Amino acid sequence: MSDTSSPREPKLSNESERTSVYADEDLNLANYQNCWDKLHRHTIRQIEQIKEIERIAFFGIPPQEDQRD
């Protein structure tokens, strides 16, 4: 058992491979943040829809865009 490197860490033979791994990690982080932002926006829209439904249920007022003169 002469190999002391962690089994989870990739063996990198040169600096370009190491940079590539860091770039992949940056890309993964960017993708994660993008997905989180989309989920957050979707959640905000759902909360707004729930508030609108509650307003209609409580006051009996239809949404503004459905009121036509």
PDB file of N, CA and C in Angstrom:
ATOM      1  N   MET A   1       0.846  -1.169   0.000  1.00  0.00           N
ATOM      2  CA  MET A   1       0.000   0.000   0.000  1.00  0.00           C
ATOM      3  C   MET A   1       0.889   1.228   0.000  1.00  0.00           C
ATOM      4  N   SER A   2       1.553   1.476  -1.108  1.00  0.00           N
ATOM      5  CA  SER A   2       2.465   2.606  -1.194  1.00  0.00           C
ATOM      6  C   SER A   2       1.758   3.881  -1.635  1.00  0.00           C
ATOM      7  N   ASP A   3       0.548   3.773  -2.151  1.00  0.00           N
ATOM      8  CA  ASP A   3      -0.197   4.942  -2.626  1.00  0.00           C
ATOM      9  C   ASP A   3      -0.855   5.630  -1.434  1.00  0.00           C
ATOM     10  N   THR A   4      -0.445   6.869  -1.161  1.00  0.00           N
ATOM     11  CA  THR A   4      -0.984   7.597  -0.007  1.00  0.00           C
ATOM     12  C   THR A   4      -2.020   8.624  -0.417  1.00  0.00           C
ATOM     13  N   SER A   5      -2.336   8.713  -1.708  1.00  0.00           N
ATOM     14  CA  SER A   5      -3.319   9.707  -2.142  1.00  0.00           C
ATOM     15  C   SER A   5      -4.724   9.248  -1.771  1.00  0.00           C
ATOM     16  N   SER A   6      -5.579  10.211  -1.619  1.00  0.00           N
ATOM     17  CA  SER A   6      -6.968   9.934  -1.279  1.00  0.00           C
ATOM     18  C   SER A   6      -7.641   9.235  -2.460  1.00  0.00           C
ATOM     19  N   PRO A   7      -8.467   8.229  -2.209  1.00  0.00           N
ATOM     20  CA  PRO A   7      -9.122   7.535  -3.321  1.00  0.00           C
ATOM     21  C   PRO A   7     -10.154   8.407  -4.032  1.00  0.00           C
ATOM     22  N   ARG A   8     -10.616   9.467  -3.386  1.00  0.00           N
ATOM     23  CA  ARG A   8     -11.633  10.321  -3.980  1.00  0.00           C
ATOM     24  C   ARG A   8     -11.025  11.396  -4.874  1.00  0.00           C
ATOM     25  N   GLU A   9      -9.771  11.715  -4.695  1.00  0.00           N
ATOM     26  CA  GLU A   9      -9.132  12.759  -5.485  1.00  0.00           C
ATOM     27  C   GLU A   9      -8.571  12.163  -6.758  1.00  0.00           C
ATOM     28  N   PRO A  10      -8.825  12.807  -7.894  1.00  0.00           N
ATOM     29  CA  PRO A  10      -8.261  12.289  -9.142  1.00  0.00           C
ATOM     30  C   PRO A  10      -6.741  12.470  -9.164  1.00  0.00           C
ATOM     31  N   LYS A  11      -6.064  11.536  -9.783  1.00  0.00           N
ATOM     32  CA  LYS A  11      -4.618  11.663  -9.940  1.00  0.00           C
ATOM     33  C   LYS A  11      -4.362  12.571 -11.133  1.00  0.00           C
ATOM     34  N   LEU A  12      -3.634  13.640 -10.898  1.00  0.00           N
ATOM     35  CA  LEU A  12      -3.375  14.630 -11.945  1.00  0.00           C
ATOM     36  C   LEU A  12      -1.898  14.596 -12.301  1.00  0.00           C
ATOM     37  N   SER A  13      -1.651  14.457 -13.589  1.00  0.00           N
ATOM     38  CA  SER A  13      -0.261  14.320 -14.011  1.00  0.00           C
ATOM     39  C   SER A  13       0.383  15.652 -14.373  1.00  0.00           C
ATOM     40  N   ASN A  14      -0.444  16.657 -14.683  1.00  0.00           N
ATOM     41  CA  ASN A  14       0.150  17.935 -15.033  1.00  0.00           C
ATOM     42  C   ASN A  14      -0.794  19.082 -14.654  1.00  0.00           C
ATOM     43  N   GLU A  15      -0.276  20.282 -14.803  1.00  0.00           N
ATOM     44  CA  GLU A  15      -1.025  21.473 -14.386  1.00  0.00           C
ATOM     45  C   GLU A  15      -2.280  21.688 -15.228  1.00  0.00           C
ATOM     46  N   SER A  16      -2.261  21.343 -16.513  1.00  0.00           N
ATOM     47  CA  SER A  16      -3.441  21.562 -17.358  1.00  0.00           C
ATOM     48  C   SER A  16      -4.603  20.667 -16.916  1.00  0.00           C
ATOM     49  N   GLU A  17      -4.298  19.437 -16.490  1.00  0.00           N
ATOM     50  CA  GLU A  17      -5.359  18.567 -15.978  1.00  0.00           C
ATOM     51  C   GLU A  17      -5.927  19.140 -14.683  1.00  0.00           C
ATOM     52  N   ARG A  18      -5.066  19.645 -13.838  1.00  0.00           N
ATOM     53  CA  ARG A  18      -5.499  20.240 -12.569  1.00  0.00           C
ATOM     54  C   ARG A  18      -6.404  21.452 -12.850  1.00  0.00           C
ATOM     55  N   THR A  19      -6.008  22.302 -13.802  1.00  0.00           N
ATOM     56  CA  THR A  19      -6.809  23.468 -14.180  1.00  0.00           C
ATOM     57  C   THR A  19      -8.146  23.021 -14.742  1.00  0.00           C
ATOM     58  N   SER A  20      -8.141  21.934 -15.517  1.00  0.00           N
ATOM     59  CA  SER A  20      -9.375  21.409 -16.096  1.00  0.00           C
ATOM     60  C   SER A  20     -10.343  20.962 -14.995  1.00  0.00           C
ATOM     61  N   VAL A  21      -9.822  20.317 -13.969  1.00  0.00           N
ATOM     62  CA  VAL A  21     -10.674  19.881 -12.852  1.00  0.00           C
ATOM     63  C   VAL A  21     -11.262  21.098 -12.149  1.00  0.00           C
ATOM     64  N   TYR A  22     -10.445  22.132 -11.932  1.00  0.00           N
ATOM     65  CA  TYR A  22     -10.962  23.349 -11.293  1.00  0.00           C
ATOM     66  C   TYR A  22     -12.018  24.021 -12.162  1.00  0.00           C
ATOM     67  N   ALA A  23     -11.808  24.025 -13.480  1.00  0.00           N
ATOM     68  CA  ALA A  23     -12.790  24.614 -14.391  1.00  0.00           C
ATOM     69  C   ALA A  23     -14.102  23.834 -14.331  1.00  0.00           C
ATOM     70  N   ASP A  24     -14.005  22.508 -14.265  1.00  0.00           N
ATOM     71  CA  ASP A  24     -15.208  21.677 -14.144  1.00  0.00           C
ATOM     72  C   ASP A  24     -15.947  21.974 -12.848  1.00  0.00           C
ATOM     73  N   GLU A  25     -15.202  22.156 -11.764  1.00  0.00           N
ATOM     74  CA  GLU A  25     -15.830  22.482 -10.481  1.00  0.00           C
ATOM     75  C   GLU A  25     -16.521  23.840 -10.550  1.00  0.00           C
ATOM     76  N   ASP A  26     -15.891  24.818 -11.207  1.00  0.00           N
ATOM     77  CA  ASP A  26     -16.504  26.142 -11.385  1.00  0.00           C
ATOM     78  C   ASP A  26     -17.773  26.033 -12.207  1.00  0.00           C
ATOM     79  N   LEU A  27     -17.744  25.215 -13.257  1.00  0.00           N
ATOM     80  CA  LEU A  27     -18.921  25.018 -14.100  1.00  0.00           C
ATOM     81  C   LEU A  27     -20.036  24.347 -13.302  1.00  0.00           C
ATOM     82  N   ASN A  28     -19.691  23.349 -12.509  1.00  0.00           N
ATOM     83  CA  ASN A  28     -20.689  22.678 -11.677  1.00  0.00           C
ATOM     84  C   ASN A  28     -21.310  23.654 -10.686  1.00  0.00           C
ATOM     85  N   LEU A  29     -20.496  24.504 -10.090  1.00  0.00           N
ATOM     86  CA  LEU A  29     -21.009  25.498  -9.152  1.00  0.00           C
ATOM     87  C   LEU A  29     -21.923  26.483  -9.865  1.00  0.00           C
ATOM     88  N   ALA A  30     -21.542  26.925 -11.059  1.00  0.00           N
ATOM     89  CA  ALA A  30     -22.377  27.851 -11.828  1.00  0.00           C
ATOM     90  C   ALA A  30     -23.708  27.194 -12.186  1.00  0.00           C
ATOM     91  N   ASN A  31     -23.670  25.931 -12.578  1.00  0.00           N
ATOM     92  CA  ASN A  31     -24.907  25.210 -12.898  1.00  0.00           C
ATOM     93  C   ASN A  31     -25.788  25.078 -11.667  1.00  0.00           C
ATOM     94  N   TYR A  32     -25.185  24.775 -10.525  1.00  0.00           N
ATOM     95  CA  TYR A  32     -25.937  24.662  -9.274  1.00  0.00           C
ATOM     96  C   TYR A  32     -26.598  25.994  -8.930  1.00  0.00           C
ATOM     97  N   GLN A  33     -25.843  27.084  -9.035  1.00  0.00           N
ATOM     98  CA  GLN A  33     -26.395  28.402  -8.720  1.00  0.00           C
ATOM     99  C   GLN A  33     -27.511  28.772  -9.688  1.00  0.00           C
ATOM    100  N   ASN A  34     -27.357  28.437 -10.966  1.00  0.00           N
ATOM    101  CA  ASN A  34     -28.386  28.706 -11.958  1.00  0.00           C
ATOM    102  C   ASN A  34     -29.662  27.929 -11.629  1.00  0.00           C
ATOM    103  N   CYS A  35     -29.519  26.659 -11.282  1.00  0.00           N
ATOM    104  CA  CYS A  35     -30.687  25.848 -10.913  1.00  0.00           C
ATOM    105  C   CYS A  35     -31.358  26.406  -9.660  1.00  0.00           C
ATOM    106  N   TRP A  36     -30.547  26.820  -8.682  1.00  0.00           N
ATOM    107  CA  TRP A  36     -31.099  27.386  -7.452  1.00  0.00           C
ATOM    108  C   TRP A  36     -31.867  28.674  -7.749  1.00  0.00           C
ATOM    109  N   ASP A  37     -31.317  29.517  -8.623  1.00  0.00           N
ATOM    110  CA  ASP A  37     -32.001  30.763  -8.997  1.00  0.00           C
ATOM    111  C   ASP A  37     -33.334  30.478  -9.683  1.00  0.00           C
ATOM    112  N   LYS A  38     -33.355  29.490 -10.583  1.00  0.00           N
ATOM    113  CA  LYS A  38     -34.600  29.126 -11.262  1.00  0.00           C
ATOM    114  C   LYS A  38     -35.627  28.615 -10.256  1.00  0.00           C
ATOM    115  N   LEU A  39     -35.190  27.784  -9.323  1.00  0.00           N
ATOM    116  CA  LEU A  39     -36.098  27.267  -8.297  1.00  0.00           C
ATOM    117  C   LEU A  39     -36.641  28.402  -7.443  1.00  0.00           C
ATOM    118  N   HIS A  40     -35.788  29.336  -7.086  1.00  0.00           N
ATOM    119  CA  HIS A  40     -36.206  30.476  -6.265  1.00  0.00           C
ATOM    120  C   HIS A  40     -37.255  31.308  -7.003  1.00  0.00           C
ATOM    121  N   ARG A  41     -37.015  31.619  -8.283  1.00  0.00           N
ATOM    122  CA  ARG A  41     -37.988  32.394  -9.066  1.00  0.00           C
ATOM    123  C   ARG A  41     -39.307  31.642  -9.194  1.00  0.00           C
ATOM    124  N   HIS A  42     -39.233  30.331  -9.400  1.00  0.00           N
ATOM    125  CA  HIS A  42     -40.446  29.519  -9.517  1.00  0.00           C
ATOM    126  C   HIS A  42     -41.226  29.543  -8.194  1.00  0.00           C
ATOM    127  N   THR A  43     -40.515  29.439  -7.096  1.00  0.00           N
ATOM    128  CA  THR A  43     -41.152  29.463  -5.778  1.00  0.00           C
ATOM    129  C   THR A  43     -41.823  30.807  -5.529  1.00  0.00           C
ATOM    130  N   ILE A  44     -41.162  31.894  -5.895  1.00  0.00           N
ATOM    131  CA  ILE A  44     -41.748  33.227  -5.730  1.00  0.00           C
ATOM    132  C   ILE A  44     -43.031  33.331  -6.557  1.00  0.00           C
ATOM    133  N   ARG A  45     -43.012  32.827  -7.794  1.00  0.00           N
ATOM    134  CA  ARG A  45     -44.222  32.860  -8.637  1.00  0.00           C
ATOM    135  C   ARG A  45     -45.348  32.057  -7.994  1.00  0.00           C
ATOM    136  N   GLN A  46     -45.010  30.889  -7.426  1.00  0.00           N
ATOM    137  CA  GLN A  46     -46.033  30.074  -6.784  1.00  0.00           C
ATOM    138  C   GLN A  46     -46.626  30.796  -5.576  1.00  0.00           C
ATOM    139  N   ILE A  47     -45.797  31.461  -4.800  1.00  0.00           N
ATOM    140  CA  ILE A  47     -46.293  32.211  -3.640  1.00  0.00           C
ATOM    141  C   ILE A  47     -47.221  33.325  -4.103  1.00  0.00           C
ATOM    142  N   GLU A  48     -46.855  34.027  -5.168  1.00  0.00           N
ATOM    143  CA  GLU A  48     -47.713  35.090  -5.705  1.00  0.00           C
ATOM    144  C   GLU A  48     -49.050  34.519  -6.178  1.00  0.00           C
ATOM    145  N   GLN A  49     -49.015  33.343  -6.812  1.00  0.00           N
ATOM    146  CA  GLN A  49     -50.250  32.714  -7.267  1.00  0.00           C
ATOM    147  C   GLN A  49     -51.130  32.314  -6.081  1.00  0.00           C
ATOM    148  N   ILE A  50     -50.520  31.792  -5.032  1.00  0.00           N
ATOM    149  CA  ILE A  50     -51.275  31.409  -3.835  1.00  0.00           C
ATOM    150  C   ILE A  50     -51.913  32.634  -3.197  1.00  0.00           C
ATOM    151  N   LYS A  51     -51.167  33.729  -3.126  1.00  0.00           N
ATOM    152  CA  LYS A  51     -51.731  34.967  -2.569  1.00  0.00           C
ATOM    153  C   LYS A  51     -52.920  35.432  -3.395  1.00  0.00           C
ATOM    154  N   GLU A  52     -52.828  35.332  -4.720  1.00  0.00           N
ATOM    155  CA  GLU A  52     -53.923  35.733  -5.602  1.00  0.00           C
ATOM    156  C   GLU A  52     -55.141  34.833  -5.379  1.00  0.00           C
ATOM    157  N   ILE A  53     -54.922  33.547  -5.256  1.00  0.00           N
ATOM    158  CA  ILE A  53     -56.027  32.607  -5.006  1.00  0.00           C
ATOM    159  C   ILE A  53     -56.681  32.906  -3.662  1.00  0.00           C
ATOM    160  N   GLU A  54     -55.869  33.176  -2.639  1.00  0.00           N
ATOM    161  CA  GLU A  54     -56.421  33.516  -1.330  1.00  0.00           C
ATOM    162  C   GLU A  54     -57.238  34.809  -1.397  1.00  0.00           C
ATOM    163  N   ARG A  55     -56.755  35.784  -2.152  1.00  0.00           N
ATOM    164  CA  ARG A  55     -57.471  37.051  -2.291  1.00  0.00           C
ATOM    165  C   ARG A  55     -58.821  36.819  -2.962  1.00  0.00           C
ATOM    166  N   ILE A  56     -58.826  36.005  -4.004  1.00  0.00           N
ATOM    167  CA  ILE A  56     -60.074  35.703  -4.713  1.00  0.00           C
ATOM    168  C   ILE A  56     -61.021  34.937  -3.790  1.00  0.00           C
ATOM    169  N   ALA A  57     -60.484  33.967  -3.061  1.00  0.00           N
ATOM    170  CA  ALA A  57     -61.329  33.171  -2.170  1.00  0.00           C
ATOM    171  C   ALA A  57     -61.898  34.024  -1.038  1.00  0.00           C
ATOM    172  N   PHE A  58     -61.132  34.949  -0.528  1.00  0.00           N
ATOM    173  CA  PHE A  58     -61.574  35.768   0.602  1.00  0.00           C
ATOM    174  C   PHE A  58     -62.498  36.902   0.161  1.00  0.00           C
ATOM    175  N   PHE A  59     -62.096  37.607  -0.888  1.00  0.00           N
ATOM    176  CA  PHE A  59     -62.861  38.783  -1.316  1.00  0.00           C
ATOM    177  C   PHE A  59     -63.808  38.495  -2.478  1.00  0.00           C
ATOM    178  N   GLY A  60     -63.615  37.399  -3.177  1.00  0.00           N
ATOM    179  CA  GLY A  60     -64.441  37.083  -4.323  1.00  0.00           C
ATOM    180  C   GLY A  60     -64.178  37.978  -5.519  1.00  0.00           C
ATOM    181  N   ILE A  61     -62.959  38.505  -5.604  1.00  0.00           N
ATOM    182  CA  ILE A  61     -62.595  39.417  -6.678  1.00  0.00           C
ATOM    183  C   ILE A  61     -61.744  38.645  -7.692  1.00  0.00           C
ATOM    184  N   PRO A  62     -62.165  38.672  -8.960  1.00  0.00           N
ATOM    185  CA  PRO A  62     -61.354  37.972  -9.964  1.00  0.00           C
ATOM    186  C   PRO A  62     -60.034  38.699 -10.211  1.00  0.00           C
ATOM    187  N   PRO A  63     -59.072  38.017 -10.794  1.00  0.00           N
ATOM    188  CA  PRO A  63     -57.789  38.654 -11.107  1.00  0.00           C
ATOM    189  C   PRO A  63     -57.977  39.877 -11.999  1.00  0.00           C
ATOM    190  N   GLN A  64     -57.065  40.816 -11.896  1.00  0.00           N
ATOM    191  CA  GLN A  64     -57.169  42.082 -12.617  1.00  0.00           C
ATOM    192  C   GLN A  64     -57.222  41.890 -14.133  1.00  0.00           C
ATOM    193  N   GLU A  65     -56.452  40.957 -14.680  1.00  0.00           N
ATOM    194  CA  GLU A  65     -56.403  40.806 -16.134  1.00  0.00           C
ATOM    195  C   GLU A  65     -57.705  40.233 -16.696  1.00  0.00           C
ATOM    196  N   ASP A  66     -58.538  39.610 -15.858  1.00  0.00           N
ATOM    197  CA  ASP A  66     -59.803  39.044 -16.328  1.00  0.00           C
ATOM    198  C   ASP A  66     -60.935  40.066 -16.329  1.00  0.00           C
ATOM    199  N   GLN A  67     -60.749  41.227 -15.730  1.00  0.00           N
ATOM    200  CA  GLN A  67     -61.785  42.249 -15.704  1.00  0.00           C
ATOM    201  C   GLN A  67     -61.720  43.041 -17.011  1.00  0.00           C
ATOM    202  N   ARG A  68     -62.794  42.959 -17.789  1.00  0.00           N
ATOM    203  CA  ARG A  68     -62.832  43.659 -19.078  1.00  0.00           C
ATOM    204  C   ARG A  68     -63.973  44.662 -19.071  1.00  0.00           C
ATOM    205  N   ASP A  69     -63.729  45.817 -19.645  1.00  0.00           N
ATOM    206  CA  ASP A  69     -64.763  46.864 -19.706  1.00  0.00           C
ATOM    207  C   ASP A  69     -65.642  46.667 -20.918  1.00  0.00           C
TER     208      ASP A  69
END
